[in-house]
Amino acid sequence: MKTKLILKGRKVKYMPRFLDDFWDYYPDLLPYKDAPSEQKAGKLRSEFWKL
């Protein structure tokens, strides 16, 4: 699935599936922000590079 991205009022061509995958990943970042740890950082880093 392609997603439109709008930046500063300008439409940008369709972005690859990365944006959909990123927004699925994003909720995992919020608990890390409140309670960071090396273990969580490693897990999140690994998941991010799979995107």
PDB file of N, CA and C in Angstrom:
ATOM      1  N   MET A   1       0.834  -1.175   0.000  1.00  0.00           N
ATOM      2  CA  MET A   1       0.000   0.000   0.000  1.00  0.00           C
ATOM      3  C   MET A   1       0.880   1.240   0.000  1.00  0.00           C
ATOM      4  N   LYS A   2       0.529   2.213  -0.794  1.00  0.00           N
ATOM      5  CA  LYS A   2       1.290   3.450  -0.836  1.00  0.00           C
ATOM      6  C   LYS A   2       0.590   4.509  -0.010  1.00  0.00           C
ATOM      7  N   THR A   3       1.348   5.401   0.560  1.00  0.00           N
ATOM      8  CA  THR A   3       0.816   6.441   1.416  1.00  0.00           C
ATOM      9  C   THR A   3       1.253   7.791   0.899  1.00  0.00           C
ATOM     10  N   LYS A   4       0.331   8.744   0.879  1.00  0.00           N
ATOM     11  CA  LYS A   4       0.695  10.105   0.502  1.00  0.00           C
ATOM     12  C   LYS A   4       1.304  10.799   1.705  1.00  0.00           C
ATOM     13  N   LEU A   5       2.262  11.617   1.468  1.00  0.00           N
ATOM     14  CA  LEU A   5       2.909  12.381   2.521  1.00  0.00           C
ATOM     15  C   LEU A   5       2.854  13.845   2.127  1.00  0.00           C
ATOM     16  N   ILE A   6       2.435  14.681   3.042  1.00  0.00           N
ATOM     17  CA  ILE A   6       2.387  16.112   2.764  1.00  0.00           C
ATOM     18  C   ILE A   6       3.359  16.803   3.703  1.00  0.00           C
ATOM     19  N   LEU A   7       4.291  17.544   3.138  1.00  0.00           N
ATOM     20  CA  LEU A   7       5.286  18.262   3.920  1.00  0.00           C
ATOM     21  C   LEU A   7       5.177  19.746   3.636  1.00  0.00           C
ATOM     22  N   LYS A   8       4.982  20.531   4.655  1.00  0.00           N
ATOM     23  CA  LYS A   8       4.942  21.987   4.531  1.00  0.00           C
ATOM     24  C   LYS A   8       4.026  22.446   3.399  1.00  0.00           C
ATOM     25  N   GLY A   9       2.854  21.824   3.332  1.00  0.00           N
ATOM     26  CA  GLY A   9       1.866  22.233   2.357  1.00  0.00           C
ATOM     27  C   GLY A   9       2.103  21.741   0.944  1.00  0.00           C
ATOM     28  N   ARG A  10       3.193  21.042   0.703  1.00  0.00           N
ATOM     29  CA  ARG A  10       3.477  20.520  -0.636  1.00  0.00           C
ATOM     30  C   ARG A  10       3.229  19.028  -0.646  1.00  0.00           C
ATOM     31  N   LYS A  11       2.568  18.568  -1.680  1.00  0.00           N
ATOM     32  CA  LYS A  11       2.369  17.127  -1.807  1.00  0.00           C
ATOM     33  C   LYS A  11       3.651  16.501  -2.331  1.00  0.00           C
ATOM     34  N   VAL A  12       4.003  15.410  -1.757  1.00  0.00           N
ATOM     35  CA  VAL A  12       5.176  14.661  -2.181  1.00  0.00           C
ATOM     36  C   VAL A  12       4.657  13.390  -2.841  1.00  0.00           C
ATOM     37  N   LYS A  13       5.358  12.893  -3.815  1.00  0.00           N
ATOM     38  CA  LYS A  13       4.924  11.655  -4.474  1.00  0.00           C
ATOM     39  C   LYS A  13       4.726  10.553  -3.438  1.00  0.00           C
ATOM     40  N   TYR A  14       4.092   9.511  -3.858  1.00  0.00           N
ATOM     41  CA  TYR A  14       3.787   8.404  -2.955  1.00  0.00           C
ATOM     42  C   TYR A  14       5.049   7.833  -2.316  1.00  0.00           C
ATOM     43  N   MET A  15       4.920   7.568  -1.039  1.00  0.00           N
ATOM     44  CA  MET A  15       6.030   6.980  -0.296  1.00  0.00           C
ATOM     45  C   MET A  15       5.844   5.467  -0.289  1.00  0.00           C
ATOM     46  N   PRO A  16       6.923   4.755  -0.180  1.00  0.00           N
ATOM     47  CA  PRO A  16       6.804   3.296  -0.131  1.00  0.00           C
ATOM     48  C   PRO A  16       6.163   2.836   1.175  1.00  0.00           C
ATOM     49  N   ARG A  17       6.000   1.599   1.292  1.00  0.00           N
ATOM     50  CA  ARG A  17       5.356   0.974   2.451  1.00  0.00           C
ATOM     51  C   ARG A  17       6.036   1.360   3.772  1.00  0.00           C
ATOM     52  N   PHE A  18       7.212   1.911   3.698  1.00  0.00           N
ATOM     53  CA  PHE A  18       7.956   2.291   4.896  1.00  0.00           C
ATOM     54  C   PHE A  18       7.108   3.101   5.869  1.00  0.00           C
ATOM     55  N   LEU A  19       6.347   4.067   5.377  1.00  0.00           N
ATOM     56  CA  LEU A  19       5.561   4.900   6.282  1.00  0.00           C
ATOM     57  C   LEU A  19       4.506   4.109   7.032  1.00  0.00           C
ATOM     58  N   ASP A  20       3.844   3.202   6.355  1.00  0.00           N
ATOM     59  CA  ASP A  20       2.863   2.353   7.038  1.00  0.00           C
ATOM     60  C   ASP A  20       3.547   1.522   8.118  1.00  0.00           C
ATOM     61  N   ASP A  21       4.681   0.940   7.763  1.00  0.00           N
ATOM     62  CA  ASP A  21       5.418   0.128   8.728  1.00  0.00           C
ATOM     63  C   ASP A  21       5.932   0.977   9.887  1.00  0.00           C
ATOM     64  N   PHE A  22       6.389   2.190   9.576  1.00  0.00           N
ATOM     65  CA  PHE A  22       6.895   3.067  10.628  1.00  0.00           C
ATOM     66  C   PHE A  22       5.798   3.415  11.628  1.00  0.00           C
ATOM     67  N   TRP A  23       4.611   3.740  11.141  1.00  0.00           N
ATOM     68  CA  TRP A  23       3.534   4.113  12.061  1.00  0.00           C
ATOM     69  C   TRP A  23       3.032   2.913  12.852  1.00  0.00           C
ATOM     70  N   ASP A  24       3.221   1.712  12.355  1.00  0.00           N
ATOM     71  CA  ASP A  24       2.935   0.521  13.156  1.00  0.00           C
ATOM     72  C   ASP A  24       3.985   0.360  14.259  1.00  0.00           C
ATOM     73  N   TYR A  25       5.200   0.766  13.977  1.00  0.00           N
ATOM     74  CA  TYR A  25       6.329   0.665  14.917  1.00  0.00           C
ATOM     75  C   TYR A  25       6.288   1.776  15.976  1.00  0.00           C
ATOM     76  N   TYR A  26       5.794   2.937  15.623  1.00  0.00           N
ATOM     77  CA  TYR A  26       5.841   4.130  16.468  1.00  0.00           C
ATOM     78  C   TYR A  26       5.287   3.931  17.884  1.00  0.00           C
ATOM     79  N   PRO A  27       4.145   3.247  18.066  1.00  0.00           N
ATOM     80  CA  PRO A  27       3.639   3.073  19.437  1.00  0.00           C
ATOM     81  C   PRO A  27       4.625   2.374  20.376  1.00  0.00           C
ATOM     82  N   ASP A  28       5.536   1.591  19.830  1.00  0.00           N
ATOM     83  CA  ASP A  28       6.550   0.937  20.662  1.00  0.00           C
ATOM     84  C   ASP A  28       7.565   1.940  21.206  1.00  0.00           C
ATOM     85  N   LEU A  29       7.697   3.084  20.536  1.00  0.00           N
ATOM     86  CA  LEU A  29       8.656   4.102  20.981  1.00  0.00           C
ATOM     87  C   LEU A  29       8.170   4.873  22.203  1.00  0.00           C
ATOM     88  N   LEU A  30       6.873   5.031  22.334  1.00  0.00           N
ATOM     89  CA  LEU A  30       6.328   5.869  23.403  1.00  0.00           C
ATOM     90  C   LEU A  30       6.667   5.359  24.803  1.00  0.00           C
ATOM     91  N   PRO A  31       6.495   4.074  25.102  1.00  0.00           N
ATOM     92  CA  PRO A  31       6.887   3.602  26.435  1.00  0.00           C
ATOM     93  C   PRO A  31       8.395   3.745  26.675  1.00  0.00           C
ATOM     94  N   TYR A  32       9.188   3.601  25.614  1.00  0.00           N
ATOM     95  CA  TYR A  32      10.638   3.762  25.749  1.00  0.00           C
ATOM     96  C   TYR A  32      10.987   5.188  26.161  1.00  0.00           C
ATOM     97  N   LYS A  33      10.252   6.143  25.636  1.00  0.00           N
ATOM     98  CA  LYS A  33      10.499   7.550  25.972  1.00  0.00           C
ATOM     99  C   LYS A  33      10.328   7.777  27.477  1.00  0.00           C
ATOM    100  N   ASP A  34       9.332   7.133  28.062  1.00  0.00           N
ATOM    101  CA  ASP A  34       9.057   7.302  29.492  1.00  0.00           C
ATOM    102  C   ASP A  34      10.006   6.511  30.386  1.00  0.00           C
ATOM    103  N   ALA A  35      10.493   5.383  29.890  1.00  0.00           N
ATOM    104  CA  ALA A  35      11.371   4.527  30.697  1.00  0.00           C
ATOM    105  C   ALA A  35      12.430   3.886  29.812  1.00  0.00           C
ATOM    106  N   PRO A  36      13.419   4.665  29.369  1.00  0.00           N
ATOM    107  CA  PRO A  36      14.450   4.105  28.492  1.00  0.00           C
ATOM    108  C   PRO A  36      15.340   3.085  29.205  1.00  0.00           C
ATOM    109  N   SER A  37      15.804   2.124  28.450  1.00  0.00           N
ATOM    110  CA  SER A  37      16.758   1.142  28.967  1.00  0.00           C
ATOM    111  C   SER A  37      17.580   0.629  27.794  1.00  0.00           C
ATOM    112  N   GLU A  38      18.746   0.085  28.100  1.00  0.00           N
ATOM    113  CA  GLU A  38      19.606  -0.462  27.048  1.00  0.00           C
ATOM    114  C   GLU A  38      18.928  -1.637  26.342  1.00  0.00           C
ATOM    115  N   GLN A  39      18.218  -2.458  27.113  1.00  0.00           N
ATOM    116  CA  GLN A  39      17.546  -3.621  26.531  1.00  0.00           C
ATOM    117  C   GLN A  39      16.470  -3.171  25.538  1.00  0.00           C
ATOM    118  N   LYS A  40      15.642  -2.217  25.939  1.00  0.00           N
ATOM    119  CA  LYS A  40      14.600  -1.714  25.043  1.00  0.00           C
ATOM    120  C   LYS A  40      15.215  -1.017  23.834  1.00  0.00           C
ATOM    121  N   ALA A  41      16.296  -0.296  24.042  1.00  0.00           N
ATOM    122  CA  ALA A  41      16.957   0.416  22.939  1.00  0.00           C
ATOM    123  C   ALA A  41      17.437  -0.586  21.884  1.00  0.00           C
ATOM    124  N   GLY A  42      18.034  -1.663  22.326  1.00  0.00           N
ATOM    125  CA  GLY A  42      18.509  -2.685  21.388  1.00  0.00           C
ATOM    126  C   GLY A  42      17.376  -3.320  20.617  1.00  0.00           C
ATOM    127  N   LYS A  43      16.285  -3.605  21.301  1.00  0.00           N
ATOM    128  CA  LYS A  43      15.119  -4.207  20.641  1.00  0.00           C
ATOM    129  C   LYS A  43      14.530  -3.241  19.621  1.00  0.00           C
ATOM    130  N   LEU A  44      14.359  -1.982  20.006  1.00  0.00           N
ATOM    131  CA  LEU A  44      13.798  -0.988  19.091  1.00  0.00           C
ATOM    132  C   LEU A  44      14.719  -0.740  17.900  1.00  0.00           C
ATOM    133  N   ARG A  45      16.006  -0.696  18.153  1.00  0.00           N
ATOM    134  CA  ARG A  45      16.978  -0.488  17.076  1.00  0.00           C
ATOM    135  C   ARG A  45      16.883  -1.624  16.060  1.00  0.00           C
ATOM    136  N   SER A  46      16.811  -2.840  16.559  1.00  0.00           N
ATOM    137  CA  SER A  46      16.718  -4.003  15.690  1.00  0.00           C
ATOM    138  C   SER A  46      15.426  -3.962  14.861  1.00  0.00           C
ATOM    139  N   GLU A  47      14.318  -3.633  15.509  1.00  0.00           N
ATOM    140  CA  GLU A  47      13.048  -3.544  14.801  1.00  0.00           C
ATOM    141  C   GLU A  47      13.073  -2.430  13.753  1.00  0.00           C
ATOM    142  N   PHE A  48      13.704  -1.306  14.084  1.00  0.00           N
ATOM    143  CA  PHE A  48      13.749  -0.196  13.150  1.00  0.00           C
ATOM    144  C   PHE A  48      14.496  -0.591  11.882  1.00  0.00           C
ATOM    145  N   TRP A  49      15.623  -1.275  12.025  1.00  0.00           N
ATOM    146  CA  TRP A  49      16.405  -1.638  10.839  1.00  0.00           C
ATOM    147  C   TRP A  49      15.704  -2.669   9.971  1.00  0.00           C
ATOM    148  N   LYS A  50      14.700  -3.337  10.516  1.00  0.00           N
ATOM    149  CA  LYS A  50      13.904  -4.280   9.717  1.00  0.00           C
ATOM    150  C   LYS A  50      12.896  -3.539   8.841  1.00  0.00           C
ATOM    151  N   LEU A  51      12.618  -2.276   9.195  1.00  0.00           N
ATOM    152  CA  LEU A  51      11.678  -1.503   8.383  1.00  0.00           C
ATOM    153  C   LEU A  51      12.284  -1.289   7.023  1.00  0.00           C
TER     154      LEU A  51
END
